N, C-alpha and C. Protein backbone atom coordinates (compact mmCIF):
# COMPACT_ATOMS: atom_id res chain seq x y z
N UNK A 1 -7.80 -4.77 16.83
CA UNK A 1 -6.79 -3.85 16.36
C UNK A 1 -5.71 -4.77 15.34
N UNK A 2 -5.81 -5.84 15.40
CA UNK A 2 -4.80 -6.84 14.65
C UNK A 2 -5.63 -7.54 13.67
N UNK A 3 -6.10 -7.08 12.48
CA UNK A 3 -6.79 -7.71 11.34
C UNK A 3 -5.64 -8.71 10.76
N UNK A 4 -6.40 -9.51 10.12
CA UNK A 4 -5.54 -10.59 9.26
C UNK A 4 -4.50 -9.78 8.46
N UNK A 5 -5.07 -8.81 7.74
CA UNK A 5 -4.06 -8.16 6.81
C UNK A 5 -4.00 -6.72 7.26
N UNK A 6 -2.68 -6.61 7.66
CA UNK A 6 -2.43 -5.22 8.30
C UNK A 6 -2.54 -4.10 7.19
N UNK A 7 -3.18 -3.06 7.65
CA UNK A 7 -3.18 -1.93 6.57
C UNK A 7 -1.81 -1.10 6.75
N UNK A 8 -1.40 -1.06 7.78
CA UNK A 8 -0.11 -0.02 7.95
C UNK A 8 1.04 -1.12 7.63
N UNK A 9 1.86 -0.89 6.65
CA UNK A 9 2.99 -1.77 6.39
C UNK A 9 4.13 -1.97 7.53
N UNK A 10 4.63 -3.15 7.52
CA UNK A 10 5.49 -3.24 8.85
C UNK A 10 6.65 -2.34 8.66
N UNK A 11 7.02 -1.96 7.62
CA UNK A 11 8.28 -0.85 7.27
C UNK A 11 7.89 0.28 8.17
N UNK A 12 6.67 0.73 8.35
CA UNK A 12 6.32 1.96 8.90
C UNK A 12 6.63 1.91 10.41
N UNK A 13 6.53 0.68 11.04
CA UNK A 13 6.69 0.61 12.51
C UNK A 13 8.24 0.59 12.60
N UNK A 14 8.99 -0.13 11.66
CA UNK A 14 10.38 0.09 11.69
C UNK A 14 10.96 1.23 11.69
N UNK A 15 10.58 1.90 10.75
CA UNK A 15 11.22 3.36 10.44
C UNK A 15 10.83 4.19 11.69
N UNK A 16 9.75 4.03 12.22
CA UNK A 16 9.47 4.81 13.15
C UNK A 16 10.10 4.59 14.46
N UNK A 17 10.39 3.28 14.83
CA UNK A 17 11.26 3.00 15.92
C UNK A 17 12.60 3.63 15.69
N UNK A 18 13.21 3.22 14.45
CA UNK A 18 14.49 3.59 14.11
C UNK A 18 14.86 5.25 14.27
N UNK A 19 13.92 6.00 13.62
CA UNK A 19 14.26 7.46 13.66
C UNK A 19 13.49 8.32 14.78
N UNK A 20 12.41 7.63 15.42
CA UNK A 20 11.94 8.24 16.61
C UNK A 20 10.87 9.35 16.32
N UNK A 21 10.54 9.48 15.09
CA UNK A 21 9.57 10.63 14.63
C UNK A 21 8.95 10.10 13.32
N UNK A 22 7.67 10.51 12.97
CA UNK A 22 7.10 10.23 11.84
C UNK A 22 7.42 10.36 10.52
N UNK A 23 8.69 11.07 10.48
CA UNK A 23 9.37 11.21 9.20
C UNK A 23 8.55 11.83 8.21
N UNK A 24 8.94 11.73 6.96
CA UNK A 24 8.21 12.29 5.64
C UNK A 24 7.20 11.57 5.22
N UNK A 25 7.23 10.22 5.77
CA UNK A 25 6.07 9.32 5.25
C UNK A 25 4.65 9.62 6.13
N UNK A 26 4.57 10.37 6.89
CA UNK A 26 3.35 10.62 7.74
C UNK A 26 3.00 12.10 8.05
N UNK A 27 1.62 12.50 8.02
CA UNK A 27 1.18 13.62 8.48
C UNK A 27 0.19 13.38 9.64
N UNK A 28 0.23 14.35 10.67
CA UNK A 28 -0.56 14.11 11.63
C UNK A 28 -1.35 15.30 12.07
N UNK A 29 -2.59 15.30 12.41
CA UNK A 29 -3.54 16.47 12.74
C UNK A 29 -4.19 16.28 13.96
N UNK A 30 -4.39 17.35 14.64
CA UNK A 30 -5.08 17.34 16.03
C UNK A 30 -6.35 18.21 16.03
N UNK A 31 -7.41 17.80 16.68
CA UNK A 31 -8.49 18.49 16.55
C UNK A 31 -9.64 18.26 17.92
N UNK A 32 -10.50 18.85 17.92
CA UNK A 32 -11.43 18.69 19.08
C UNK A 32 -12.75 18.18 18.70
N UNK A 33 -13.37 17.41 19.36
CA UNK A 33 -14.75 16.54 19.02
C UNK A 33 -15.95 17.49 19.59
N UNK A 34 -16.52 18.04 18.80
CA UNK A 34 -17.58 18.85 19.05
C UNK A 34 -18.76 17.98 19.79
N UNK A 35 -19.15 16.77 19.19
CA UNK A 35 -20.01 15.70 19.30
C UNK A 35 -19.29 14.33 19.86
N UNK A 36 -19.65 13.88 20.74
CA UNK A 36 -19.26 12.48 21.11
C UNK A 36 -20.11 11.48 20.65
N UNK A 37 -19.91 10.76 19.63
CA UNK A 37 -20.76 9.66 19.27
C UNK A 37 -21.40 8.61 20.14
N UNK A 38 -22.42 7.97 19.85
CA UNK A 38 -23.04 7.19 20.59
C UNK A 38 -22.88 5.68 20.05
N UNK A 39 -22.75 4.68 20.76
CA UNK A 39 -22.68 3.35 20.30
C UNK A 39 -24.06 2.75 19.99
N UNK A 40 -24.13 1.56 19.62
CA UNK A 40 -25.48 1.16 19.21
C UNK A 40 -26.32 0.82 20.44
N UNK A 41 -25.91 0.81 21.68
CA UNK A 41 -26.99 0.83 22.77
C UNK A 41 -27.19 2.21 23.33
N UNK A 42 -26.60 3.34 22.60
CA UNK A 42 -26.93 4.86 23.18
C UNK A 42 -26.09 5.25 24.16
N UNK A 43 -24.92 4.50 24.41
CA UNK A 43 -23.91 5.00 25.43
C UNK A 43 -22.86 5.88 24.53
N UNK A 44 -22.33 6.94 25.24
CA UNK A 44 -21.32 7.80 24.73
C UNK A 44 -19.91 6.96 24.50
N UNK A 45 -19.25 6.90 23.15
CA UNK A 45 -18.09 6.45 23.00
C UNK A 45 -16.94 7.44 23.25
N UNK A 46 -16.33 7.33 24.48
CA UNK A 46 -15.46 8.17 25.03
C UNK A 46 -14.40 7.85 24.17
N UNK A 47 -13.78 6.78 23.65
CA UNK A 47 -12.56 6.56 22.99
C UNK A 47 -13.15 5.71 21.72
N UNK A 48 -12.40 5.95 20.73
CA UNK A 48 -12.82 5.25 19.55
C UNK A 48 -11.35 5.25 18.65
N UNK A 49 -11.35 4.17 17.82
CA UNK A 49 -10.10 4.39 16.78
C UNK A 49 -10.57 3.56 15.71
N UNK A 50 -9.90 3.85 14.46
CA UNK A 50 -10.22 3.34 13.20
C UNK A 50 -8.94 3.59 12.38
N UNK A 51 -8.67 2.47 11.70
CA UNK A 51 -7.49 2.47 10.62
C UNK A 51 -8.06 1.96 9.29
N UNK A 52 -7.71 2.62 8.26
CA UNK A 52 -8.34 2.09 7.04
C UNK A 52 -7.37 2.61 5.80
N UNK A 53 -7.66 2.01 4.67
CA UNK A 53 -6.80 2.48 3.47
C UNK A 53 -7.35 3.74 2.98
N UNK A 54 -6.50 4.64 2.58
CA UNK A 54 -6.89 5.87 1.85
C UNK A 54 -6.73 5.66 0.45
N UNK A 55 -7.91 5.39 -0.38
CA UNK A 55 -7.87 5.10 -1.93
C UNK A 55 -8.08 6.23 -2.69
N UNK A 56 -8.59 7.28 -2.25
CA UNK A 56 -8.89 8.37 -3.27
C UNK A 56 -8.45 9.71 -2.60
N UNK A 57 -7.73 10.48 -3.44
CA UNK A 57 -7.51 11.94 -2.94
C UNK A 57 -7.10 12.72 -4.32
N UNK A 58 -7.27 13.94 -4.22
CA UNK A 58 -6.69 14.75 -5.45
C UNK A 58 -5.04 14.96 -5.48
N UNK A 59 -4.73 15.07 -6.63
CA UNK A 59 -3.30 15.36 -6.81
C UNK A 59 -3.18 16.79 -7.72
N UNK A 60 -2.20 17.37 -7.56
CA UNK A 60 -1.88 18.67 -8.42
C UNK A 60 -1.96 18.33 -9.85
N UNK A 61 -2.50 19.16 -10.57
CA UNK A 61 -2.53 19.03 -12.22
C UNK A 61 -1.30 19.28 -12.61
N UNK A 62 -0.22 19.67 -12.30
CA UNK A 62 0.96 19.87 -12.79
C UNK A 62 2.14 18.85 -12.24
N UNK A 63 1.45 17.69 -11.74
CA UNK A 63 2.46 16.63 -11.40
C UNK A 63 2.87 15.88 -12.54
N UNK A 64 4.25 15.62 -12.71
CA UNK A 64 4.83 14.72 -13.67
C UNK A 64 4.33 13.32 -13.67
N UNK A 65 4.39 12.87 -15.00
CA UNK A 65 3.75 11.39 -15.07
C UNK A 65 4.46 10.61 -14.27
N UNK A 66 5.86 10.54 -14.16
CA UNK A 66 6.46 9.75 -13.36
C UNK A 66 6.07 9.71 -11.65
N UNK A 67 5.69 10.99 -11.45
CA UNK A 67 5.27 10.97 -9.89
C UNK A 67 3.91 10.66 -9.95
N UNK A 68 2.84 10.65 -10.99
CA UNK A 68 1.48 10.39 -10.89
C UNK A 68 1.64 8.82 -10.79
N UNK A 69 2.42 8.15 -11.39
CA UNK A 69 2.68 6.66 -11.53
C UNK A 69 2.94 6.21 -10.09
N UNK A 70 3.84 6.99 -9.51
CA UNK A 70 4.29 6.50 -8.11
C UNK A 70 3.20 6.68 -7.04
N UNK A 71 2.31 7.70 -7.17
CA UNK A 71 1.18 7.67 -6.44
C UNK A 71 0.19 6.47 -6.79
N UNK A 72 0.03 6.22 -8.02
CA UNK A 72 -0.89 5.15 -8.45
C UNK A 72 -0.27 3.86 -7.79
N UNK A 73 1.01 3.64 -7.71
CA UNK A 73 1.45 2.36 -7.22
C UNK A 73 1.52 2.38 -5.49
N UNK A 74 1.52 3.56 -5.13
CA UNK A 74 1.66 3.55 -3.62
C UNK A 74 0.57 3.22 -2.74
N UNK A 75 1.04 2.88 -1.44
CA UNK A 75 0.11 2.51 -0.57
C UNK A 75 -0.21 3.55 0.54
N UNK A 76 -1.47 3.94 0.73
CA UNK A 76 -1.83 5.04 1.58
C UNK A 76 -2.76 4.63 2.60
N UNK A 77 -2.70 5.19 3.87
CA UNK A 77 -3.71 4.63 4.85
C UNK A 77 -3.86 5.91 5.87
N UNK A 78 -5.02 5.88 6.51
CA UNK A 78 -5.41 7.00 7.44
C UNK A 78 -5.74 6.19 8.67
N UNK A 79 -5.31 6.71 9.95
CA UNK A 79 -5.86 6.23 11.24
C UNK A 79 -6.38 7.30 11.90
N UNK A 80 -7.42 7.19 12.80
CA UNK A 80 -8.08 8.10 13.52
C UNK A 80 -8.22 7.72 14.98
N UNK A 81 -7.91 8.33 15.81
CA UNK A 81 -8.22 8.01 17.44
C UNK A 81 -8.85 9.22 17.92
N UNK A 82 -9.81 8.91 18.77
CA UNK A 82 -10.54 9.95 19.59
C UNK A 82 -10.49 9.60 20.99
N UNK A 83 -10.15 10.30 21.94
CA UNK A 83 -10.13 10.20 23.32
C UNK A 83 -10.73 11.30 24.03
N UNK A 84 -12.11 11.22 24.48
CA UNK A 84 -12.74 12.28 25.11
C UNK A 84 -12.91 13.19 23.86
N UNK A 85 -12.55 14.34 24.13
CA UNK A 85 -12.77 15.57 23.03
C UNK A 85 -11.73 15.77 22.21
N UNK A 86 -10.52 14.85 22.36
CA UNK A 86 -9.45 15.10 21.43
C UNK A 86 -9.51 14.11 20.19
N UNK A 87 -9.02 14.58 19.26
CA UNK A 87 -9.00 13.79 17.90
C UNK A 87 -7.70 13.91 17.41
N UNK A 88 -7.05 12.70 16.90
CA UNK A 88 -5.78 12.79 16.31
C UNK A 88 -5.98 11.98 15.03
N UNK A 89 -5.34 12.62 13.73
CA UNK A 89 -5.66 11.81 12.78
C UNK A 89 -4.27 11.72 11.97
N UNK A 90 -3.84 10.58 11.40
CA UNK A 90 -2.66 10.40 11.05
C UNK A 90 -2.85 9.89 9.64
N UNK A 91 -2.20 10.38 8.36
CA UNK A 91 -2.00 9.66 7.03
C UNK A 91 -0.77 9.38 6.81
N UNK A 92 -0.44 8.25 6.48
CA UNK A 92 0.68 7.65 5.96
C UNK A 92 0.91 7.03 4.46
N UNK A 93 2.12 6.83 4.15
CA UNK A 93 2.23 6.29 2.76
C UNK A 93 3.50 5.53 2.59
N UNK A 94 3.85 4.87 1.50
CA UNK A 94 5.12 4.25 1.52
C UNK A 94 5.90 4.75 0.29
N UNK A 95 5.65 5.97 -0.15
CA UNK A 95 6.32 6.60 -1.16
C UNK A 95 7.80 6.81 -0.82
N UNK A 96 8.69 6.95 -1.98
CA UNK A 96 10.21 7.19 -1.18
C UNK A 96 10.38 8.69 -1.04
N UNK A 97 9.55 9.46 -1.69
CA UNK A 97 9.57 10.88 -1.31
C UNK A 97 8.36 11.33 -0.59
N UNK A 98 8.35 12.07 0.26
CA UNK A 98 7.17 12.80 0.96
C UNK A 98 6.31 13.74 0.15
N UNK A 99 5.20 14.01 0.55
CA UNK A 99 4.33 14.97 -0.04
C UNK A 99 3.45 15.67 0.90
N UNK A 100 2.82 16.63 0.42
CA UNK A 100 2.06 17.54 1.33
C UNK A 100 0.57 17.32 1.05
N UNK A 101 -0.34 17.21 1.94
CA UNK A 101 -1.75 17.33 1.53
C UNK A 101 -2.03 18.70 1.58
N UNK A 102 -2.29 19.24 0.37
CA UNK A 102 -2.48 20.71 0.10
C UNK A 102 -3.76 21.32 0.82
N UNK A 103 -4.89 20.55 0.68
CA UNK A 103 -6.15 21.15 1.24
C UNK A 103 -6.45 20.42 2.63
N UNK A 104 -6.26 21.48 3.45
CA UNK A 104 -6.35 21.14 5.04
C UNK A 104 -7.91 20.49 5.21
N UNK A 105 -7.79 19.50 6.08
CA UNK A 105 -9.15 18.80 6.35
C UNK A 105 -10.19 19.85 7.00
N UNK A 106 -10.95 20.54 6.05
CA UNK A 106 -12.21 21.36 6.52
C UNK A 106 -12.10 22.05 7.84
N UNK A 107 -10.95 22.69 7.99
CA UNK A 107 -10.91 23.70 8.86
C UNK A 107 -10.89 23.30 10.57
N UNK A 108 -11.23 22.00 10.87
CA UNK A 108 -11.27 21.89 12.22
C UNK A 108 -10.27 20.89 12.73
N UNK A 109 -9.09 20.53 11.93
CA UNK A 109 -7.94 19.94 12.33
C UNK A 109 -6.73 20.75 12.10
N UNK A 110 -5.79 20.80 13.02
CA UNK A 110 -4.77 21.72 12.77
C UNK A 110 -3.43 20.72 12.86
N UNK A 111 -2.48 20.93 11.75
CA UNK A 111 -1.54 19.95 11.30
C UNK A 111 -0.53 20.07 12.53
N UNK A 112 -0.13 18.92 13.06
CA UNK A 112 1.00 19.17 14.16
C UNK A 112 2.00 18.29 13.78
N UNK A 113 2.15 17.61 12.73
CA UNK A 113 3.33 16.87 12.13
C UNK A 113 3.43 16.75 10.67
N UNK A 114 4.34 17.34 9.99
CA UNK A 114 5.19 18.24 10.32
C UNK A 114 4.56 19.56 10.68
N UNK A 115 4.99 20.46 11.73
CA UNK A 115 4.28 21.43 12.02
C UNK A 115 4.45 22.49 11.01
N UNK A 116 3.20 23.26 11.07
CA UNK A 116 3.47 24.42 10.12
C UNK A 116 2.89 25.64 10.58
N UNK A 117 3.23 25.66 12.06
CA UNK A 117 2.82 27.13 12.75
C UNK A 117 2.18 26.75 13.98
N UNK A 118 1.93 27.75 14.78
CA UNK A 118 1.19 27.54 16.13
C UNK A 118 -0.20 27.19 15.86
N UNK A 119 -0.79 26.45 16.83
CA UNK A 119 -2.22 26.31 16.88
C UNK A 119 -2.92 26.79 18.16
N UNK A 120 -4.09 27.01 18.13
CA UNK A 120 -4.65 27.38 19.34
C UNK A 120 -5.76 26.32 19.76
N UNK A 121 -5.82 26.01 21.10
CA UNK A 121 -6.55 24.86 21.70
C UNK A 121 -7.35 25.54 22.94
N UNK A 122 -8.51 25.02 22.78
CA UNK A 122 -9.37 24.21 21.83
C UNK A 122 -9.62 24.93 20.65
N UNK A 123 -9.86 24.13 19.58
CA UNK A 123 -10.01 24.69 18.24
C UNK A 123 -11.57 25.48 18.24
N UNK A 124 -11.61 26.45 17.17
CA UNK A 124 -12.72 27.19 17.17
C UNK A 124 -13.95 26.18 16.64
N UNK A 125 -13.64 25.30 15.77
CA UNK A 125 -14.54 24.36 15.25
C UNK A 125 -14.51 23.01 15.79
N UNK A 126 -15.47 22.44 16.20
CA UNK A 126 -15.44 20.85 16.65
C UNK A 126 -15.78 19.96 15.35
N UNK A 127 -15.14 18.84 15.52
CA UNK A 127 -15.61 17.70 14.62
C UNK A 127 -16.90 17.41 14.78
N UNK A 128 -17.60 17.29 13.63
CA UNK A 128 -19.23 16.79 14.05
C UNK A 128 -19.34 15.29 14.22
N UNK A 129 -18.55 14.44 13.89
CA UNK A 129 -18.79 13.14 14.19
C UNK A 129 -17.50 12.23 13.69
N UNK A 130 -17.16 11.34 14.43
CA UNK A 130 -15.87 10.53 14.56
C UNK A 130 -15.86 9.82 13.23
N UNK A 131 -17.07 9.36 12.71
CA UNK A 131 -17.16 8.49 11.41
C UNK A 131 -16.84 9.20 10.10
N UNK A 132 -17.04 10.52 10.15
CA UNK A 132 -16.72 11.36 9.00
C UNK A 132 -15.26 11.74 8.71
N UNK A 133 -14.56 11.44 9.73
CA UNK A 133 -13.10 11.96 9.41
C UNK A 133 -12.33 11.16 8.40
N UNK A 134 -12.52 10.05 8.29
CA UNK A 134 -11.80 9.37 7.13
C UNK A 134 -12.21 9.85 5.73
N UNK A 135 -13.56 10.37 5.55
CA UNK A 135 -13.81 11.01 4.33
C UNK A 135 -13.31 12.38 4.09
N UNK A 136 -12.62 13.04 5.33
CA UNK A 136 -12.43 14.37 5.18
C UNK A 136 -11.26 14.62 4.16
N UNK A 137 -10.57 13.69 3.89
CA UNK A 137 -9.37 13.97 2.93
C UNK A 137 -9.64 13.80 1.40
N UNK A 138 -10.96 13.13 1.03
CA UNK A 138 -11.21 12.86 -0.31
C UNK A 138 -11.64 14.35 -0.81
N UNK A 139 -11.29 14.38 -2.28
CA UNK A 139 -11.65 15.59 -2.96
C UNK A 139 -13.28 15.66 -2.90
N UNK A 140 -13.86 16.93 -3.29
CA UNK A 140 -15.39 17.08 -3.26
C UNK A 140 -15.70 16.38 -4.52
N UNK A 141 -16.85 15.76 -4.40
CA UNK A 141 -17.46 15.24 -5.76
C UNK A 141 -18.04 16.41 -6.28
N UNK A 142 -18.21 16.34 -7.86
CA UNK A 142 -18.77 17.39 -8.50
C UNK A 142 -19.96 16.76 -9.31
């Protein structure tokens, strides 16, 4: 969990400790795992975690050029944690102003930070695979 080059900047940890919530620089989703992945030996992976850079996503067409440049220069990352049938996914960034991901990740994750309403548990749809979650925020290829 401690690679040579950390993906989440140190400033994110400092800010989280200082304000005691994810603030405007993070979005968090909660979902249920419909399938528990298997490891190389065929055993069930009851817990799994992955953190990586988020390098590709869609932006609104009417965004100002100044804001587009801020996105091009920004750092974005995604982290996913699965424990049993529960999935948490976090998207973070280092932009001065926050932003919202407009397209909800494929219907099987409910946003819990910043909350945008009540959620039902367990979710109607389960995540098909842990490995596919990082790809869920990318825009569809044409």
